[in-house]
C-alpha atoms as a PDB file:
ATOM      1  CA  MET A   1     -16.950   6.524 -39.635  1.00  0.00           C
ATOM      2  CA  ALA A   2     -14.300   5.343 -42.083  1.00  0.00           C
ATOM      3  CA  ASN A   3     -11.365   7.627 -42.735  1.00  0.00           C
ATOM      4  CA  HIS A   4     -11.314   8.292 -46.460  1.00  0.00           C
ATOM      5  CA  SER A   5      -8.036  10.280 -46.424  1.00  0.00           C
ATOM      6  CA  LYS A   6      -5.049   8.501 -47.944  1.00  0.00           C
ATOM      7  CA  HIS A   7      -1.316   9.262 -47.800  1.00  0.00           C
ATOM      8  CA  ALA A   8       0.385   9.083 -51.197  1.00  0.00           C
ATOM      9  CA  ARG A   9       3.641   7.184 -51.339  1.00  0.00           C
ATOM     10  CA  SER A  10       5.094   9.318 -54.125  1.00  0.00           C
ATOM     11  CA  SER A  11       4.675  12.802 -55.445  1.00  0.00           C
ATOM     12  CA  THR A  12       3.442  11.564 -58.797  1.00  0.00           C
ATOM     13  CA  PHE A  13      -0.159  12.610 -59.444  1.00  0.00           C
ATOM     14  CA  VAL A  14      -2.335   9.721 -60.634  1.00  0.00           C
ATOM     15  CA  MET A  15      -5.791  10.401 -62.064  1.00  0.00           C
ATOM     16  CA  PRO A  16      -8.356   8.265 -60.181  1.00  0.00           C
ATOM     17  CA  SER A  17     -10.273   5.728 -62.232  1.00  0.00           C
ATOM     18  CA  LYS A  18     -13.875   6.455 -63.276  1.00  0.00           C
ATOM     19  CA  SER A  19     -15.263   4.085 -60.628  1.00  0.00           C
ATOM     20  CA  SER A  20     -13.122   5.771 -57.953  1.00  0.00           C
ATOM     21  CA  LEU A  21     -14.399   9.190 -58.990  1.00  0.00           C
ATOM     22  CA  MET A  22     -17.997   7.953 -58.677  1.00  0.00           C
ATOM     23  CA  LYS A  23     -17.318   6.616 -55.178  1.00  0.00           C
ATOM     24  CA  ILE A  24     -15.697   9.893 -54.135  1.00  0.00           C
ATOM     25  CA  ALA A  25     -18.645  11.884 -55.486  1.00  0.00           C
ATOM     26  CA  ALA A  26     -21.123   9.667 -53.657  1.00  0.00           C
ATOM     27  CA  THR A  27     -19.184  10.037 -50.404  1.00  0.00           C
ATOM     28  CA  VAL A  28     -19.085  13.831 -50.694  1.00  0.00           C
ATOM     29  CA  ALA A  29     -22.817  13.904 -51.402  1.00  0.00           C
ATOM     30  CA  ALA A  30     -23.564  11.708 -48.392  1.00  0.00           C
ATOM     31  CA  VAL A  31     -21.456  13.875 -46.093  1.00  0.00           C
ATOM     32  CA  GLY A  32     -23.232  16.937 -47.430  1.00  0.00           C
ATOM     33  CA  LEU A  33     -26.643  15.434 -46.692  1.00  0.00           C
ATOM     34  CA  LEU A  34     -25.599  14.507 -43.155  1.00  0.00           C
ATOM     35  CA  ALA A  35     -24.254  17.983 -42.528  1.00  0.00           C
ATOM     36  CA  THR A  36     -27.409  19.571 -43.895  1.00  0.00           C
ATOM     37  CA  GLY A  37     -29.674  17.238 -41.900  1.00  0.00           C
ATOM     38  CA  GLY A  38     -27.909  18.218 -38.705  1.00  0.00           C
ATOM     39  CA  ILE A  39     -29.003  21.839 -38.916  1.00  0.00           C
ATOM     40  CA  VAL A  40     -32.497  21.448 -40.286  1.00  0.00           C
ATOM     41  CA  SER A  41     -35.202  22.092 -37.686  1.00  0.00           C
ATOM     42  CA  ARG A  42     -36.897  18.926 -36.472  1.00  0.00           C
ATOM     43  CA  ASN A  43     -40.304  18.207 -37.963  1.00  0.00           C
ATOM     44  CA  LEU A  44     -42.094  15.329 -36.249  1.00  0.00           C
ATOM     45  CA  TYR A  45     -44.791  15.158 -38.906  1.00  0.00           C
ATOM     46  CA  THR A  46     -44.274  13.229 -42.120  1.00  0.00           C
ATOM     47  CA  SER A  47     -45.800  14.053 -45.474  1.00  0.00           C
ATOM     48  CA  ALA A  48     -49.084  12.382 -46.301  1.00  0.00           C
ATOM     49  CA  LYS A  49     -47.308  10.930 -49.321  1.00  0.00           C
ATOM     50  CA  GLN A  50     -44.661   9.172 -47.240  1.00  0.00           C
ATOM     51  CA  ASN A  51     -44.725   5.464 -46.516  1.00  0.00           C
ATOM     52  CA  THR A  52     -46.239   5.083 -43.045  1.00  0.00           C
ATOM     53  CA  THR A  53     -45.664   1.376 -42.527  1.00  0.00           C
ATOM     54  CA  ASN A  54     -43.917  -0.147 -39.537  1.00  0.00           C
ATOM     55  CA  GLN A  55     -42.291   2.900 -38.001  1.00  0.00           C
ATOM     56  CA  ALA A  56     -41.696   2.437 -34.295  1.00  0.00           C
ATOM     57  CA  THR A  57     -42.736   5.976 -33.459  1.00  0.00           C
ATOM     58  CA  ALA A  58     -46.125   5.555 -31.835  1.00  0.00           C
ATOM     59  CA  PHE A  59     -47.399   4.893 -28.359  1.00  0.00           C
ATOM     60  CA  SER A  60     -50.076   2.267 -28.049  1.00  0.00           C
ATOM     61  CA  VAL A  61     -52.512   0.975 -25.507  1.00  0.00           C
ATOM     62  CA  THR A  62     -50.635  -2.294 -25.749  1.00  0.00           C
ATOM     63  CA  ASP A  63     -47.533  -0.540 -24.455  1.00  0.00           C
ATOM     64  CA  SER A  64     -47.001   0.154 -20.782  1.00  0.00           C
ATOM     65  CA  ALA A  65     -48.689   3.460 -20.228  1.00  0.00           C
ATOM     66  CA  GLU A  66     -49.749   5.493 -23.216  1.00  0.00           C
ATOM     67  CA  ALA A  67     -52.757   5.853 -25.424  1.00  0.00           C
ATOM     68  CA  SER A  68     -52.264   5.362 -29.123  1.00  0.00           C
ATOM     69  CA  ARG A  69     -50.265   8.017 -30.882  1.00  0.00           C
ATOM     70  CA  GLY A  70     -49.115   8.079 -34.458  1.00  0.00           C
ATOM     71  CA  ASN A  71     -46.369  10.567 -35.261  1.00  0.00           C
ATOM     72  CA  ALA A  72     -47.211  10.126 -38.930  1.00  0.00           C
ATOM     73  CA  ARG A  73     -50.086  12.610 -38.695  1.00  0.00           C
ATOM     74  CA  GLU A  74     -48.964  15.581 -40.714  1.00  0.00           C
ATOM     75  CA  LEU A  75     -49.533  19.204 -39.868  1.00  0.00           C
ATOM     76  CA  LEU A  76     -51.208  20.901 -42.811  1.00  0.00           C
ATOM     77  CA  ASN A  77     -49.192  24.114 -42.633  1.00  0.00           C
ATOM     78  CA  GLY A  78     -45.679  24.622 -41.312  1.00  0.00           C
ATOM     79  CA  ASP A  79     -43.641  22.946 -38.593  1.00  0.00           C
ATOM     80  CA  THR A  80     -44.881  22.126 -35.141  1.00  0.00           C
ATOM     81  CA  SER A  81     -42.988  22.810 -31.941  1.00  0.00           C
ATOM     82  CA  TYR A  82     -43.216  20.739 -28.786  1.00  0.00           C
ATOM     83  CA  VAL A  83     -42.649  22.406 -25.436  1.00  0.00           C
ATOM     84  CA  THR A  84     -42.701  20.623 -22.082  1.00  0.00           C
ATOM     85  CA  VAL A  85     -44.653  22.186 -19.235  1.00  0.00           C
ATOM     86  CA  LYS A  86     -44.203  20.934 -15.662  1.00  0.00           C
ATOM     87  CA  ILE A  87     -47.039  21.787 -13.303  1.00  0.00           C
ATOM     88  CA  ASN A  88     -46.221  21.031  -9.681  1.00  0.00           C
ATOM     89  CA  GLY A  89     -43.792  18.407 -10.932  1.00  0.00           C
ATOM     90  CA  LYS A  90     -46.167  16.725 -13.405  1.00  0.00           C
ATOM     91  CA  SER A  91     -45.106  16.997 -17.054  1.00  0.00           C
ATOM     92  CA  ARG A  92     -47.170  17.385 -20.186  1.00  0.00           C
ATOM     93  CA  VAL A  93     -46.215  18.268 -23.743  1.00  0.00           C
ATOM     94  CA  VAL A  94     -47.888  21.195 -25.512  1.00  0.00           C
ATOM     95  CA  PRO A  95     -47.733  21.022 -29.332  1.00  0.00           C
ATOM     96  CA  GLY A  96     -48.387  24.008 -31.550  1.00  0.00           C
ATOM     97  CA  ALA A  97     -47.153  26.039 -34.483  1.00  0.00           C
ATOM     98  CA  ASN A  98     -45.193  29.286 -34.332  1.00  0.00           C
ATOM     99  CA  PHE A  99     -44.577  29.502 -30.595  1.00  0.00           C
ATOM    100  CA  THR A 100     -43.001  32.842 -29.684  1.00  0.00           C
ATOM    101  CA  ASP A 101     -42.743  32.981 -25.906  1.00  0.00           C
ATOM    102  CA  VAL A 102     -43.815  31.219 -22.714  1.00  0.00           C
ATOM    103  CA  LYS A 103     -47.238  32.873 -22.779  1.00  0.00           C
ATOM    104  CA  SER A 104     -47.949  31.551 -26.292  1.00  0.00           C
ATOM    105  CA  VAL A 105     -47.248  27.999 -25.093  1.00  0.00           C
ATOM    106  CA  LEU A 106     -49.567  28.324 -22.095  1.00  0.00           C
ATOM    107  CA  ASP A 107     -52.292  29.777 -24.315  1.00  0.00           C
ATOM    108  CA  ALA A 108     -51.952  26.873 -26.774  1.00  0.00           C
ATOM    109  CA  GLY A 109     -52.141  24.381 -23.914  1.00  0.00           C
ATOM    110  CA  ASP A 110     -55.180  26.129 -22.394  1.00  0.00           C
ATOM    111  CA  ILE A 111     -53.228  26.505 -19.160  1.00  0.00           C
ATOM    112  CA  THR A 112     -54.675  29.267 -16.982  1.00  0.00           C
ATOM    113  CA  LEU A 113     -52.462  30.819 -14.350  1.00  0.00           C
ATOM    114  CA  GLU A 114     -53.674  31.697 -10.888  1.00  0.00           C
ATOM    115  CA  PRO A 115     -52.527  34.945  -9.182  1.00  0.00           C
ATOM    116  CA  GLU A 116     -50.248  33.086  -6.773  1.00  0.00           C
ATOM    117  CA  ASP A 117     -48.614  30.856  -9.405  1.00  0.00           C
ATOM    118  CA  THR A 118     -44.863  31.002  -9.938  1.00  0.00           C
ATOM    119  CA  VAL A 119     -43.763  30.607 -13.565  1.00  0.00           C
ATOM    120  CA  SER A 120     -40.234  29.997 -14.797  1.00  0.00           C
ATOM    121  CA  PRO A 121     -38.956  31.282 -17.161  1.00  0.00           C
ATOM    122  CA  SER A 122     -40.991  34.488 -17.416  1.00  0.00           C
ATOM    123  CA  LEU A 123     -44.013  34.791 -19.700  1.00  0.00           C
ATOM    124  CA  THR A 124     -42.102  36.911 -22.219  1.00  0.00           C
ATOM    125  CA  THR A 125     -39.137  34.547 -22.522  1.00  0.00           C
ATOM    126  CA  LYS A 126     -38.556  33.162 -26.011  1.00  0.00           C
ATOM    127  CA  VAL A 127     -38.993  29.390 -26.311  1.00  0.00           C
ATOM    128  CA  ASP A 128     -37.769  26.491 -28.417  1.00  0.00           C
ATOM    129  CA  GLU A 129     -38.167  22.720 -28.169  1.00  0.00           C
ATOM    130  CA  LYS A 130     -35.530  22.532 -25.429  1.00  0.00           C
ATOM    131  CA  THR A 131     -37.475  24.901 -23.175  1.00  0.00           C
ATOM    132  CA  VAL A 132     -39.058  23.432 -20.052  1.00  0.00           C
ATOM    133  CA  ILE A 133     -41.674  25.697 -18.461  1.00  0.00           C
ATOM    134  CA  THR A 134     -42.156  25.177 -14.734  1.00  0.00           C
ATOM    135  CA  ILE A 135     -45.307  26.228 -12.884  1.00  0.00           C
ATOM    136  CA  GLN A 136     -45.599  25.985  -9.121  1.00  0.00           C
ATOM    137  CA  ARG A 137     -49.031  26.466  -7.551  1.00  0.00           C
ATOM    138  CA  ALA A 138     -49.013  26.932  -3.805  1.00  0.00           C
ATOM    139  CA  GLY A 139     -51.632  24.963  -1.901  1.00  0.00           C
ATOM    140  CA  ALA A 140     -52.323  22.695  -4.883  1.00  0.00           C
ATOM    141  CA  SER A 141     -51.644  19.017  -5.313  1.00  0.00           C
ATOM    142  CA  VAL A 142     -51.526  16.653  -8.262  1.00  0.00           C
ATOM    143  CA  GLU A 143     -54.234  13.996  -8.078  1.00  0.00           C
ATOM    144  CA  VAL A 144     -54.468  10.968 -10.370  1.00  0.00           C
ATOM    145  CA  SER A 145     -57.718   9.073 -10.789  1.00  0.00           C
ATOM    146  CA  ASP A 146     -58.963   6.163 -12.885  1.00  0.00           C
ATOM    147  CA  THR A 147     -62.406   5.933 -14.469  1.00  0.00           C
ATOM    148  CA  ALA A 148     -63.999   3.093 -16.367  1.00  0.00           C
ATOM    149  CA  ILE A 149     -64.358   3.085 -20.148  1.00  0.00           C
ATOM    150  CA  GLY A 150     -67.430   1.131 -21.165  1.00  0.00           C
ATOM    151  CA  PHE A 151     -67.181  -1.647 -23.734  1.00  0.00           C
ATOM    152  CA  ASN A 152     -69.331  -2.021 -26.826  1.00  0.00           C
ATOM    153  CA  VAL A 153     -71.390  -4.949 -28.063  1.00  0.00           C
ATOM    154  CA  VAL A 154     -70.407  -6.115 -31.549  1.00  0.00           C
ATOM    155  CA  LYS A 155     -72.502  -8.614 -33.458  1.00  0.00           C
ATOM    156  CA  LYS A 156     -70.967 -10.787 -36.173  1.00  0.00           C
ATOM    157  CA  GLU A 157     -72.823 -13.088 -38.514  1.00  0.00           C
ATOM    158  CA  THR A 158     -71.647 -16.674 -38.882  1.00  0.00           C
ATOM    159  CA  SER A 159     -72.846 -19.601 -40.951  1.00  0.00           C
ATOM    160  CA  SER A 160     -71.660 -22.029 -38.286  1.00  0.00           C
ATOM    161  CA  LEU A 161     -74.792 -21.412 -36.194  1.00  0.00           C
ATOM    162  CA  PRO A 162     -78.469 -21.992 -37.059  1.00  0.00           C
ATOM    163  CA  GLU A 163     -80.279 -18.907 -38.291  1.00  0.00           C
ATOM    164  CA  GLY A 164     -81.154 -16.518 -35.464  1.00  0.00           C
ATOM    165  CA  GLN A 165     -79.139 -18.362 -32.823  1.00  0.00           C
ATOM    166  CA  GLU A 166     -76.679 -16.252 -30.838  1.00  0.00           C
ATOM    167  CA  LYS A 167     -73.516 -17.213 -29.022  1.00  0.00           C
ATOM    168  CA  VAL A 168     -71.109 -15.067 -27.014  1.00  0.00           C
ATOM    169  CA  GLU A 169     -67.667 -15.368 -28.561  1.00  0.00           C
ATOM    170  CA  THR A 170     -65.879 -12.830 -26.317  1.00  0.00           C
ATOM    171  CA  GLU A 171     -67.028 -11.365 -23.036  1.00  0.00           C
ATOM    172  CA  GLY A 172     -66.784  -7.581 -22.708  1.00  0.00           C
ATOM    173  CA  GLU A 173     -64.302  -5.945 -20.377  1.00  0.00           C
ATOM    174  CA  GLU A 174     -64.166  -2.305 -19.281  1.00  0.00           C
ATOM    175  CA  GLY A 175     -61.118  -0.193 -20.004  1.00  0.00           C
ATOM    176  CA  VAL A 176     -59.382   2.378 -17.807  1.00  0.00           C
ATOM    177  CA  MET A 177     -59.016   6.130 -18.357  1.00  0.00           C
ATOM    178  CA  GLU A 178     -56.328   7.799 -16.274  1.00  0.00           C
ATOM    179  CA  THR A 179     -56.813  11.502 -15.538  1.00  0.00           C
ATOM    180  CA  THR A 180     -54.360  13.805 -13.794  1.00  0.00           C
ATOM    181  CA  ASN A 181     -55.691  17.017 -12.229  1.00  0.00           C
ATOM    182  CA  LEU A 182     -54.101  19.912 -10.384  1.00  0.00           C
ATOM    183  CA  VAL A 183     -56.441  20.361  -7.414  1.00  0.00           C
ATOM    184  CA  THR A 184     -56.611  23.306  -5.025  1.00  0.00           C
ATOM    185  CA  LYS A 185     -58.535  22.789  -1.778  1.00  0.00           C
ATOM    186  CA  SER A 186     -59.683  24.876   1.128  1.00  0.00           C
ATOM    187  CA  GLY A 187     -59.982  22.366   3.898  1.00  0.00           C
ATOM    188  CA  ASP A 188     -61.904  19.487   2.378  1.00  0.00           C
ATOM    189  CA  THR A 189     -63.573  21.701  -0.236  1.00  0.00           C
ATOM    190  CA  VAL A 190     -62.205  21.692  -3.786  1.00  0.00           C
ATOM    191  CA  VAL A 191     -61.674  25.310  -4.869  1.00  0.00           C
ATOM    192  CA  SER A 192     -60.405  24.534  -8.355  1.00  0.00           C
ATOM    193  CA  SER A 193     -59.440  21.528 -10.437  1.00  0.00           C
ATOM    194  CA  ASN A 194     -57.485  21.829 -13.685  1.00  0.00           C
ATOM    195  CA  MET A 195     -56.876  18.814 -15.892  1.00  0.00           C
ATOM    196  CA  ILE A 196     -53.257  18.206 -16.841  1.00  0.00           C
ATOM    197  CA  SER A 197     -53.739  15.034 -18.857  1.00  0.00           C
ATOM    198  CA  SER A 198     -56.246  12.279 -19.572  1.00  0.00           C
ATOM    199  CA  TYR A 199     -55.537   9.192 -21.638  1.00  0.00           C
ATOM    200  CA  VAL A 200     -56.488   5.576 -22.266  1.00  0.00           C
ATOM    201  CA  LYS A 201     -54.391   3.500 -19.883  1.00  0.00           C
ATOM    202  CA  LYS A 202     -56.161   0.271 -20.777  1.00  0.00           C
ATOM    203  CA  ALA A 203     -58.487  -0.167 -23.723  1.00  0.00           C
ATOM    204  CA  PRO A 204     -61.821  -1.941 -23.211  1.00  0.00           C
ATOM    205  CA  VAL A 205     -62.565  -5.283 -24.836  1.00  0.00           C
ATOM    206  CA  ASP A 206     -65.719  -5.496 -26.947  1.00  0.00           C
ATOM    207  CA  LYS A 207     -68.333  -8.095 -26.171  1.00  0.00           C
ATOM    208  CA  VAL A 208     -68.614 -10.089 -29.400  1.00  0.00           C
ATOM    209  CA  ILE A 209     -71.819 -11.983 -30.119  1.00  0.00           C
ATOM    210  CA  LEU A 210     -72.024 -14.429 -33.009  1.00  0.00           C
ATOM    211  CA  VAL A 211     -75.364 -14.459 -34.844  1.00  0.00           C
ATOM    212  CA  GLY A 212     -76.207 -17.529 -36.877  1.00  0.00           C
ATOM    213  CA  THR A 213     -77.297 -17.220 -40.497  1.00  0.00           C
ATOM    214  CA  GLY A 214     -77.895 -20.908 -41.124  1.00  0.00           C
ATOM    215  CA  SER A 215     -76.494 -20.383 -44.602  1.00  0.00           C
ATOM    216  CA  THR A 216     -73.362 -21.677 -46.262  1.00  0.00           C
ATOM    217  CA  SER A 217     -73.567 -19.244 -49.178  1.00  0.00           C
ATOM    218  CA  SER A 218     -70.604 -16.980 -49.908  1.00  0.00           C
ATOM    219  CA  SER A 219     -72.773 -13.974 -49.089  1.00  0.00           C
ATOM    220  CA  SER A 220     -72.777 -14.925 -45.421  1.00  0.00           C
ATOM    221  CA  SER A 221     -70.094 -13.131 -43.456  1.00  0.00           C
ATOM    222  CA  ASN A 222     -67.305 -15.157 -41.918  1.00  0.00           C
ATOM    223  CA  ALA A 223     -67.203 -14.228 -38.238  1.00  0.00           C
ATOM    224  CA  SER A 224     -63.408 -14.444 -38.094  1.00  0.00           C
ATOM    225  CA  THR A 225     -62.955 -11.806 -40.806  1.00  0.00           C
ATOM    226  CA  SER A 226     -66.123  -9.700 -40.497  1.00  0.00           C
ATOM    227  CA  ILE A 227     -65.764  -6.305 -38.879  1.00  0.00           C
ATOM    228  CA  GLY A 228     -69.206  -6.789 -37.373  1.00  0.00           C
ATOM    229  CA  THR A 229     -72.042  -4.452 -36.442  1.00  0.00           C
ATOM    230  CA  THR A 230     -71.583  -2.318 -33.327  1.00  0.00           C
ATOM    231  CA  VAL A 231     -74.507  -1.370 -31.108  1.00  0.00           C
ATOM    232  CA  PRO A 232     -74.294   2.402 -30.361  1.00  0.00           C
ATOM    233  CA  ALA A 233     -73.722   3.240 -26.697  1.00  0.00           C
ATOM    234  CA  GLY A 234     -74.441   6.738 -25.457  1.00  0.00           C
ATOM    235  CA  GLU A 235     -75.279  10.055 -27.102  1.00  0.00           C
ATOM    236  CA  MET A 236     -72.022  10.546 -29.006  1.00  0.00           C
ATOM    237  CA  GLN A 237     -72.048   7.098 -30.557  1.00  0.00           C
ATOM    238  CA  GLN A 238     -75.727   7.308 -31.441  1.00  0.00           C
ATOM    239  CA  TRP A 239     -75.156  10.629 -33.213  1.00  0.00           C
ATOM    240  CA  ALA A 240     -72.109   9.232 -35.032  1.00  0.00           C
ATOM    241  CA  HIS A 241     -74.093   6.169 -36.144  1.00  0.00           C
ATOM    242  CA  ASP A 242     -77.030   8.195 -37.438  1.00  0.00           C
ATOM    243  CA  TYR A 243     -74.800  10.773 -39.126  1.00  0.00           C
ATOM    244  CA  LEU A 244     -72.763   8.170 -40.967  1.00  0.00           C
ATOM    245  CA  LEU A 245     -75.702   6.131 -42.202  1.00  0.00           C
ATOM    246  CA  SER A 246     -77.566   9.234 -43.339  1.00  0.00           C
ATOM    247  CA  ASN A 247     -74.530  10.357 -45.335  1.00  0.00           C
ATOM    248  CA  GLY A 248     -73.908   7.213 -47.345  1.00  0.00           C
ATOM    249  CA  TYR A 249     -71.624   5.354 -44.967  1.00  0.00           C
ATOM    250  CA  THR A 250     -72.148   1.809 -43.670  1.00  0.00           C
ATOM    251  CA  GLU A 251     -72.491  -0.049 -40.396  1.00  0.00           C
ATOM    252  CA  ALA A 252     -68.918  -1.241 -40.922  1.00  0.00           C
ATOM    253  CA  ASP A 253     -67.753   2.392 -41.077  1.00  0.00           C
ATOM    254  CA  PHE A 254     -69.450   3.034 -37.751  1.00  0.00           C
ATOM    255  CA  THR A 255     -67.874  -0.059 -36.203  1.00  0.00           C
ATOM    256  CA  ALA A 256     -64.467   1.118 -37.418  1.00  0.00           C
ATOM    257  CA  THR A 257     -65.116   4.578 -35.967  1.00  0.00           C
ATOM    258  CA  VAL A 258     -66.068   3.218 -32.559  1.00  0.00           C
ATOM    259  CA  TYR A 259     -63.031   0.953 -32.414  1.00  0.00           C
ATOM    260  CA  ILE A 260     -60.517   3.691 -33.245  1.00  0.00           C
ATOM    261  CA  ILE A 261     -62.045   6.407 -31.051  1.00  0.00           C
ATOM    262  CA  THR A 262     -62.435   4.032 -28.106  1.00  0.00           C
ATOM    263  CA  HIS A 263     -58.774   3.069 -28.281  1.00  0.00           C
ATOM    264  CA  GLU A 264     -57.541   6.606 -28.943  1.00  0.00           C
ATOM    265  CA  SER A 265     -59.479   8.595 -26.340  1.00  0.00           C
ATOM    266  CA  GLY A 266     -62.062   6.432 -24.594  1.00  0.00           C
ATOM    267  CA  TRP A 267     -64.699   8.809 -26.041  1.00  0.00           C
ATOM    268  CA  SER A 268     -63.414  11.709 -23.932  1.00  0.00           C
ATOM    269  CA  VAL A 269     -63.760  15.010 -25.828  1.00  0.00           C
ATOM    270  CA  THR A 270     -60.988  16.588 -23.751  1.00  0.00           C
ATOM    271  CA  ALA A 271     -58.584  13.621 -23.693  1.00  0.00           C
ATOM    272  CA  THR A 272     -55.025  14.977 -23.614  1.00  0.00           C
ATOM    273  CA  ASN A 273     -52.019  12.715 -24.044  1.00  0.00           C
ATOM    274  CA  PRO A 274     -49.237  13.819 -21.656  1.00  0.00           C
ATOM    275  CA  SER A 275     -46.433  12.568 -23.898  1.00  0.00           C
ATOM    276  CA  SER A 276     -47.483  14.021 -27.237  1.00  0.00           C
ATOM    277  CA  GLY A 277     -50.134  16.628 -26.458  1.00  0.00           C
ATOM    278  CA  ALA A 278     -52.599  14.911 -28.817  1.00  0.00           C
ATOM    279  CA  TYR A 279     -56.142  16.046 -28.079  1.00  0.00           C
ATOM    280  CA  GLY A 280     -59.794  15.109 -28.282  1.00  0.00           C
ATOM    281  CA  LEU A 281     -61.757  12.112 -29.499  1.00  0.00           C
ATOM    282  CA  PRO A 282     -59.474  11.466 -32.500  1.00  0.00           C
ATOM    283  CA  GLN A 283     -56.308  12.539 -30.632  1.00  0.00           C
ATOM    284  CA  ALA A 284     -55.513  15.146 -33.273  1.00  0.00           C
ATOM    285  CA  LEU A 285     -51.937  16.348 -33.132  1.00  0.00           C
ATOM    286  CA  PRO A 286     -52.097  19.212 -32.438  1.00  0.00           C
ATOM    287  CA  GLY A 287     -55.749  19.515 -31.476  1.00  0.00           C
ATOM    288  CA  SER A 288     -56.020  22.986 -32.985  1.00  0.00           C
ATOM    289  CA  LYS A 289     -55.932  21.551 -36.514  1.00  0.00           C
ATOM    290  CA  MET A 290     -59.573  20.503 -35.937  1.00  0.00           C
ATOM    291  CA  VAL A 291     -60.517  24.180 -36.285  1.00  0.00           C
ATOM    292  CA  SER A 292     -60.928  23.355 -39.982  1.00  0.00           C
ATOM    293  CA  GLU A 293     -64.287  21.819 -38.988  1.00  0.00           C
ATOM    294  CA  GLY A 294     -65.354  24.497 -36.507  1.00  0.00           C
ATOM    295  CA  ALA A 295     -64.209  27.051 -33.953  1.00  0.00           C
ATOM    296  CA  ASP A 296     -65.700  24.874 -31.190  1.00  0.00           C
ATOM    297  CA  TRP A 297     -63.243  22.041 -31.908  1.00  0.00           C
ATOM    298  CA  ALA A 298     -62.017  21.890 -28.291  1.00  0.00           C
ATOM    299  CA  THR A 299     -65.398  20.938 -26.797  1.00  0.00           C
ATOM    300  CA  ASN A 300     -67.776  19.784 -29.544  1.00  0.00           C
ATOM    301  CA  TYR A 301     -67.733  16.047 -30.222  1.00  0.00           C
ATOM    302  CA  GLN A 302     -69.523  16.489 -33.552  1.00  0.00           C
ATOM    303  CA  THR A 303     -66.835  18.857 -34.820  1.00  0.00           C
ATOM    304  CA  GLN A 304     -64.123  16.457 -33.689  1.00  0.00           C
ATOM    305  CA  LEU A 305     -65.750  13.441 -35.327  1.00  0.00           C
ATOM    306  CA  LYS A 306     -66.257  15.271 -38.630  1.00  0.00           C
ATOM    307  CA  TRP A 307     -62.576  16.149 -38.615  1.00  0.00           C
ATOM    308  CA  PHE A 308     -61.720  12.523 -37.840  1.00  0.00           C
ATOM    309  CA  TRP A 309     -63.742  11.172 -40.766  1.00  0.00           C
ATOM    310  CA  GLY A 310     -62.200  13.720 -43.104  1.00  0.00           C
ATOM    311  CA  TYR A 311     -58.716  12.800 -41.919  1.00  0.00           C
ATOM    312  CA  CYS A 312     -59.384   9.089 -42.465  1.00  0.00           C
ATOM    313  CA  ALA A 313     -60.597   9.757 -46.011  1.00  0.00           C
ATOM    314  CA  GLN A 314     -57.647  12.026 -46.797  1.00  0.00           C
ATOM    315  CA  ARG A 315     -54.900   9.810 -45.436  1.00  0.00           C
ATOM    316  CA  TYR A 316     -56.238   6.251 -45.733  1.00  0.00           C
ATOM    317  CA  GLY A 317     -58.947   6.544 -48.366  1.00  0.00           C
ATOM    318  CA  SER A 318     -61.729   5.558 -45.976  1.00  0.00           C
ATOM    319  CA  ILE A 319     -62.654   4.995 -42.347  1.00  0.00           C
ATOM    320  CA  GLN A 320     -62.161   1.269 -42.765  1.00  0.00           C
ATOM    321  CA  GLY A 321     -58.781   1.943 -44.349  1.00  0.00           C
ATOM    322  CA  ALA A 322     -57.764   3.775 -41.171  1.00  0.00           C
ATOM    323  CA  TYR A 323     -59.176   0.893 -39.107  1.00  0.00           C
ATOM    324  CA  SER A 324     -57.080  -1.660 -41.001  1.00  0.00           C
ATOM    325  CA  TYR A 325     -53.982   0.469 -40.472  1.00  0.00           C
ATOM    326  CA  TRP A 326     -54.784   0.820 -36.757  1.00  0.00           C
ATOM    327  CA  LEU A 327     -55.083  -2.938 -36.331  1.00  0.00           C
ATOM    328  CA  ALA A 328     -51.670  -3.435 -37.917  1.00  0.00           C
ATOM    329  CA  ASN A 329     -49.848  -0.548 -36.243  1.00  0.00           C
ATOM    330  CA  HIS A 330     -51.861   0.381 -33.126  1.00  0.00           C
ATOM    331  CA  CYS A 331     -52.040   3.961 -34.337  1.00  0.00           C
ATOM    332  CA  TYR A 332     -53.362   5.786 -37.361  1.00  0.00           C
END
């Protein structure tokens, strides 16, 4: 930082020029802002009115290990705290508002203690964002497993093929979901298994099929720019498809939904990002904000999807608006 103090060479007082006074005032104001900013509590959420472009604050499936996370998702009321919990050496972050003590953090993270567990600091200890809660469970081990995330089939119309003719443009490829559990065994029998985290380690690749229209009219979709039509796979996607179309949305909105949710959570209702604590199908941060759509937000995929669609409309104007942002930023 530049030193703005100056040593006068004479005792004669000289009134600074108008431009000098303006510079001095600006410097004092800047120092004041820096001093104020240093003591203001950290808020990792930005206002919905802020510019959200090109901020390097999100994890992405294209990065080394994390599912997509956008820190731009605002909390609707108040600040959010982030407290780290280490369970048998494995860390996860628990987000939540108005934490008071260790017990409030464990409750927010849905972390259930066993009678023989050792917790440090104690359950009644006050917490802040520097607190690290350590839980040791005797006889338990941390186990990490990978499961496959199925890919979707997306059909895109093209005028470059005769009408009705199909051609595979991209072969589908399964993704990988990594799940970490704290497992207690008696011999070879699993007594209990508690999930610590579960996230998209590698996103699947859609199988893209080009469908010929045999038409050169402008109404025919260009396969390179069309979002395409996604074939629903499984109960959750079929419900989402039917719900959207029966409520005035389009096939493109469904395709956008599938793409985002697949990359965010791999369609796991209980997906929990270990680095941010984001939760559920839409990776809401914190997950508890989905209570606005229902008290069953932690386990009901319909509640989570309704919250997701509402969030997309509120922040990006539409589901496809959120999709476009995701493509550009690998988060939303």
